[in-house]
Protein backbone atom coordinates (compact mmCIF):
# COMPACT_ATOMS: atom_id res chain seq x y z
CA MET A 1 41.84 -6.48 -11.40
CA ASP A 2 41.39 -7.36 -7.51
CA PHE A 3 42.60 -4.68 -5.46
CA GLY A 4 41.49 -6.35 -2.43
CA PHE A 5 38.60 -4.13 -1.64
CA LYS A 6 35.38 -3.31 -3.34
CA ILE A 7 33.24 -0.14 -3.87
CA SER A 8 29.93 -0.15 -1.86
CA PRO A 9 26.80 1.43 -3.20
CA SER A 10 26.38 4.90 -1.72
CA SER A 11 24.49 5.23 1.59
CA ALA A 12 23.70 8.82 1.08
CA ILE A 13 20.05 9.92 1.86
CA ASN A 14 18.28 12.51 -0.21
CA LEU A 15 16.19 13.88 2.42
CA ASP A 16 14.20 15.71 -0.04
CA ASN A 17 12.63 12.53 -1.01
CA VAL A 18 11.98 11.37 2.66
CA ASP A 19 8.40 11.21 3.58
CA LEU A 20 8.18 12.73 7.00
CA THR A 21 4.39 12.63 7.67
CA LYS A 22 4.73 9.95 10.41
CA PHE A 23 7.58 11.79 12.12
CA GLU A 24 5.46 14.91 11.94
CA GLU A 25 2.53 13.12 13.57
CA LEU A 26 4.95 11.71 16.22
CA HIS A 27 5.98 15.22 16.88
CA ARG A 28 2.52 16.31 17.48
CA MET A 29 1.84 13.59 19.88
CA GLU A 30 5.40 13.64 21.52
CA PRO A 31 6.88 17.13 21.38
CA ASP A 32 9.77 15.97 23.18
CA VAL A 33 11.24 14.24 20.10
CA TYR A 34 12.64 17.54 19.08
CA LYS A 35 14.29 18.23 22.42
CA CYS A 36 16.74 15.22 22.02
CA MET A 37 20.15 16.74 21.74
CA ALA A 38 21.71 13.28 21.16
CA CYS A 39 24.03 13.33 24.17
CA GLY A 40 24.22 9.61 24.73
CA SER A 41 23.25 9.47 28.41
CA CYS A 42 20.40 7.08 27.60
CA SER A 43 22.60 4.72 25.62
CA ALA A 44 25.16 4.78 28.26
CA THR A 45 22.60 3.66 30.90
CA CYS A 46 20.69 1.22 28.87
CA PRO A 47 21.07 -2.39 29.95
CA ALA A 48 20.08 -3.52 26.47
CA SER A 49 22.65 -1.29 24.59
CA PRO A 50 25.76 -3.42 24.96
CA PHE A 51 24.16 -6.44 23.72
CA SER A 52 21.69 -5.10 21.05
CA GLY A 53 23.04 -2.07 19.96
CA MET A 54 19.80 -0.22 21.32
CA SER A 55 20.23 3.59 21.29
CA MET A 56 17.33 6.17 21.61
CA ARG A 57 19.36 8.88 19.73
CA LYS A 58 19.95 6.32 16.95
CA VAL A 59 16.30 5.66 16.69
CA ILE A 60 15.16 9.29 16.49
CA THR A 61 17.94 10.05 13.90
CA ALA A 62 16.88 7.00 11.92
CA LEU A 63 13.14 8.14 12.00
CA GLN A 64 14.23 11.76 10.87
CA ARG A 65 16.11 10.10 8.02
CA GLY A 66 13.11 7.79 6.97
CA LYS A 67 14.54 4.50 8.04
CA GLU A 68 11.81 3.65 9.81
CA LYS A 69 12.16 -0.09 9.76
CA GLU A 70 15.60 0.15 11.20
CA ALA A 71 14.31 2.37 14.19
CA VAL A 72 11.45 0.01 15.05
CA ALA A 73 13.73 -3.08 14.77
CA MET A 74 16.16 -1.14 17.32
CA LEU A 75 13.27 -0.46 19.54
CA ARG A 76 12.11 -4.16 19.83
CA ASN A 77 15.05 -4.61 21.87
CA CYS A 78 13.98 -2.00 24.44
CA MET A 79 12.83 -3.40 27.93
CA LEU A 80 11.03 -0.37 28.87
CA CYS A 81 12.96 -0.32 32.17
CA GLY A 82 13.04 3.48 32.30
CA LYS A 83 16.73 4.09 33.19
CA CYS A 84 16.91 6.18 30.20
CA SER A 85 14.21 8.68 31.41
CA MET A 86 15.98 8.79 34.83
CA VAL A 87 19.13 10.34 33.17
CA CYS A 88 17.93 12.36 30.27
CA PRO A 89 19.28 15.75 30.81
CA ARG A 90 16.32 17.25 28.98
CA GLY A 91 13.79 15.23 30.95
CA ILE A 92 12.27 13.26 27.90
CA ASN A 93 9.78 10.77 28.79
CA THR A 94 11.49 8.18 26.76
CA ARG A 95 9.21 5.24 27.43
CA HIS A 96 6.20 7.19 26.62
CA LEU A 97 8.03 8.29 23.40
CA ILE A 98 8.99 4.62 22.62
CA LEU A 99 5.38 3.64 22.94
CA SER A 100 4.29 6.35 20.71
CA ILE A 101 6.81 5.30 18.00
CA PHE A 102 5.13 1.94 18.10
CA ARG A 103 1.88 3.32 17.97
CA ILE A 104 2.54 5.38 14.83
CA TYR A 105 5.11 3.35 13.03
CA ARG A 106 3.40 -0.30 13.32
CA GLU A 107 2.81 -1.95 10.25
CA ASP A 108 -0.76 -2.97 9.16
CA GLY A 109 -2.10 -5.85 10.97
CA LYS A 110 0.53 -6.03 13.69
């Protein structure tokens, strides 16, 4: 029978099965990654955000949930303009954080 909708597979993440070794390495390099309170100031000022969905808070959350590919793909839209660093209430150096994320999460050979 067709009811006009379908059931999607669960998007639940079992955090017990997520390998966070790279995120812990990122935290050792950039302790500021835990300072983010997901206020959205960075996304509000980001010139790439309206066109690409770039959001630093989404990137950090995705990394914490083990969705590394999605996070790195979102960061590829970043222009490293630094506006997010200027408005961050916690003073996070987002440029340096982004470059560290690329350094740690890069795929072999790239």
